[in-house]
Amino acid sequence: MSHSRAQILLSERLNEAIASLDSVPVARVTGRLVKVNGLMMQAVGCRFRLEQRCLVETAEGTMIEAQVVGFDHNVAYLMPIRRLGGAFRGCEGCSA
């Protein structure tokens, strides 16, 4: 087999492998809101990092982008990046 033919076969196999990654389910780490006070949201159930961005699902199924601004034991404090409408106690939150 020529060198260029081998490269073509390798490239085709690599492209097939990359395309197959689209069908692999991605793990989604979720927590939940336990309190909303003004703009401050409190979430538990995830291992957030300070300044990490995350998504909070609203009652309507839309996502609110938020940022972790602090912690207190197992509670992460989140501030929304945009308006907060639709968030409710028990909403799911996940890392972005």
C-alpha atoms as a PDB file:
ATOM      1  CA  MET A   1       0.000   0.000   0.000  1.00  0.00           C
ATOM      2  CA  SER A   2       1.404   3.389  -0.946  1.00  0.00           C
ATOM      3  CA  HIS A   3       2.102   6.027   1.673  1.00  0.00           C
ATOM      4  CA  SER A   4      -0.558   8.394   0.273  1.00  0.00           C
ATOM      5  CA  ARG A   5      -3.208   5.617   0.145  1.00  0.00           C
ATOM      6  CA  ALA A   6      -2.491   4.784   3.783  1.00  0.00           C
ATOM      7  CA  GLN A   7      -2.889   8.458   4.709  1.00  0.00           C
ATOM      8  CA  ILE A   8      -6.215   8.611   2.882  1.00  0.00           C
ATOM      9  CA  LEU A   9      -7.511   5.495   4.709  1.00  0.00           C
ATOM     10  CA  LEU A  10      -6.302   6.833   8.035  1.00  0.00           C
ATOM     11  CA  SER A  11      -7.945  10.185   7.356  1.00  0.00           C
ATOM     12  CA  GLU A  12     -11.249   8.487   6.427  1.00  0.00           C
ATOM     13  CA  ARG A  13     -11.187   6.379   9.603  1.00  0.00           C
ATOM     14  CA  LEU A  14     -10.405   9.432  11.709  1.00  0.00           C
ATOM     15  CA  ASN A  15     -13.276  11.380  10.136  1.00  0.00           C
ATOM     16  CA  GLU A  16     -15.647   8.461  10.830  1.00  0.00           C
ATOM     17  CA  ALA A  17     -14.482   8.309  14.450  1.00  0.00           C
ATOM     18  CA  ILE A  18     -14.950  12.051  14.903  1.00  0.00           C
ATOM     19  CA  ALA A  19     -18.431  11.915  13.329  1.00  0.00           C
ATOM     20  CA  SER A  20     -19.416   9.072  15.694  1.00  0.00           C
ATOM     21  CA  LEU A  21     -18.701  11.304  18.709  1.00  0.00           C
ATOM     22  CA  ASP A  22     -21.908  13.241  17.985  1.00  0.00           C
ATOM     23  CA  SER A  23     -23.928  10.195  19.079  1.00  0.00           C
ATOM     24  CA  VAL A  24     -22.107   9.772  22.410  1.00  0.00           C
ATOM     25  CA  PRO A  25     -24.240  11.082  25.289  1.00  0.00           C
ATOM     26  CA  VAL A  26     -22.556  13.785  27.340  1.00  0.00           C
ATOM     27  CA  ALA A  27     -22.783  13.615  31.106  1.00  0.00           C
ATOM     28  CA  ARG A  28     -24.710  16.506  32.589  1.00  0.00           C
ATOM     29  CA  VAL A  29     -23.981  17.407  36.185  1.00  0.00           C
ATOM     30  CA  THR A  30     -27.046  18.935  37.794  1.00  0.00           C
ATOM     31  CA  GLY A  31     -27.955  20.508  41.079  1.00  0.00           C
ATOM     32  CA  ARG A  32     -31.061  22.404  42.144  1.00  0.00           C
ATOM     33  CA  LEU A  33     -32.029  25.821  43.372  1.00  0.00           C
ATOM     34  CA  VAL A  34     -32.980  25.941  47.027  1.00  0.00           C
ATOM     35  CA  LYS A  35     -33.530  29.675  47.400  1.00  0.00           C
ATOM     36  CA  VAL A  36     -33.856  32.833  45.318  1.00  0.00           C
ATOM     37  CA  ASN A  37     -33.569  36.169  47.119  1.00  0.00           C
ATOM     38  CA  GLY A  38     -33.629  39.175  44.813  1.00  0.00           C
ATOM     39  CA  LEU A  39     -31.009  38.391  42.196  1.00  0.00           C
ATOM     40  CA  MET A  40     -29.098  35.933  44.384  1.00  0.00           C
ATOM     41  CA  MET A  41     -29.777  32.253  43.720  1.00  0.00           C
ATOM     42  CA  GLN A  42     -28.650  29.447  46.024  1.00  0.00           C
ATOM     43  CA  ALA A  43     -27.916  26.033  44.514  1.00  0.00           C
ATOM     44  CA  VAL A  44     -26.937  22.679  46.000  1.00  0.00           C
ATOM     45  CA  GLY A  45     -25.990  19.317  44.537  1.00  0.00           C
ATOM     46  CA  CYS A  46     -23.080  20.333  42.288  1.00  0.00           C
ATOM     47  CA  ARG A  47     -19.399  20.945  42.768  1.00  0.00           C
ATOM     48  CA  PHE A  48     -19.207  24.452  41.333  1.00  0.00           C
ATOM     49  CA  ARG A  49     -16.030  26.511  41.067  1.00  0.00           C
ATOM     50  CA  LEU A  50     -15.853  30.203  41.910  1.00  0.00           C
ATOM     51  CA  GLU A  51     -16.561  32.319  38.784  1.00  0.00           C
ATOM     52  CA  GLN A  52     -17.826  29.256  36.912  1.00  0.00           C
ATOM     53  CA  ARG A  53     -20.729  29.856  34.559  1.00  0.00           C
ATOM     54  CA  CYS A  54     -23.737  27.566  34.720  1.00  0.00           C
ATOM     55  CA  LEU A  55     -27.230  27.267  33.276  1.00  0.00           C
ATOM     56  CA  VAL A  56     -30.435  27.321  35.333  1.00  0.00           C
ATOM     57  CA  GLU A  57     -33.559  25.895  33.710  1.00  0.00           C
ATOM     58  CA  THR A  58     -36.721  27.972  34.207  1.00  0.00           C
ATOM     59  CA  ALA A  59     -40.322  26.805  34.586  1.00  0.00           C
ATOM     60  CA  GLU A  60     -40.797  27.526  30.855  1.00  0.00           C
ATOM     61  CA  GLY A  61     -37.821  25.319  29.929  1.00  0.00           C
ATOM     62  CA  THR A  62     -35.554  28.202  28.921  1.00  0.00           C
ATOM     63  CA  MET A  63     -32.070  28.546  30.351  1.00  0.00           C
ATOM     64  CA  ILE A  64     -30.745  31.417  32.472  1.00  0.00           C
ATOM     65  CA  GLU A  65     -26.977  31.812  32.423  1.00  0.00           C
ATOM     66  CA  ALA A  66     -25.536  32.476  35.885  1.00  0.00           C
ATOM     67  CA  GLN A  67     -22.130  32.787  37.496  1.00  0.00           C
ATOM     68  CA  VAL A  68     -20.923  31.346  40.803  1.00  0.00           C
ATOM     69  CA  VAL A  69     -20.035  34.281  43.071  1.00  0.00           C
ATOM     70  CA  GLY A  70     -19.632  32.559  46.444  1.00  0.00           C
ATOM     71  CA  PHE A  71     -20.114  29.529  48.681  1.00  0.00           C
ATOM     72  CA  ASP A  72     -21.340  28.628  52.154  1.00  0.00           C
ATOM     73  CA  HIS A  73     -20.613  24.973  53.003  1.00  0.00           C
ATOM     74  CA  ASN A  74     -22.474  23.008  50.287  1.00  0.00           C
ATOM     75  CA  VAL A  75     -24.472  26.008  48.971  1.00  0.00           C
ATOM     76  CA  ALA A  76     -23.257  27.851  45.872  1.00  0.00           C
ATOM     77  CA  TYR A  77     -24.368  31.461  45.379  1.00  0.00           C
ATOM     78  CA  LEU A  78     -25.219  32.297  41.773  1.00  0.00           C
ATOM     79  CA  MET A  79     -25.884  35.635  40.107  1.00  0.00           C
ATOM     80  CA  PRO A  80     -27.743  35.730  36.796  1.00  0.00           C
ATOM     81  CA  ILE A  81     -26.003  37.122  33.735  1.00  0.00           C
ATOM     82  CA  ARG A  82     -29.384  38.314  32.391  1.00  0.00           C
ATOM     83  CA  ARG A  83     -32.878  38.795  33.858  1.00  0.00           C
ATOM     84  CA  LEU A  84     -34.033  36.114  36.269  1.00  0.00           C
ATOM     85  CA  GLY A  85     -37.704  35.659  35.311  1.00  0.00           C
ATOM     86  CA  GLY A  86     -39.013  32.092  35.428  1.00  0.00           C
ATOM     87  CA  ALA A  87     -36.648  30.653  38.055  1.00  0.00           C
ATOM     88  CA  PHE A  88     -38.285  28.700  40.852  1.00  0.00           C
ATOM     89  CA  ARG A  89     -37.264  26.622  43.858  1.00  0.00           C
ATOM     90  CA  GLY A  90     -36.147  23.194  42.648  1.00  0.00           C
ATOM     91  CA  CYS A  91     -35.056  24.362  39.197  1.00  0.00           C
ATOM     92  CA  GLU A  92     -32.240  22.304  37.740  1.00  0.00           C
ATOM     93  CA  GLY A  93     -28.868  23.931  37.316  1.00  0.00           C
ATOM     94  CA  CYS A  94     -25.858  22.564  35.463  1.00  0.00           C
ATOM     95  CA  SER A  95     -22.332  23.630  34.679  1.00  0.00           C
ATOM     96  CA  ALA A  96     -21.891  25.336  31.362  1.00  0.00           C
END
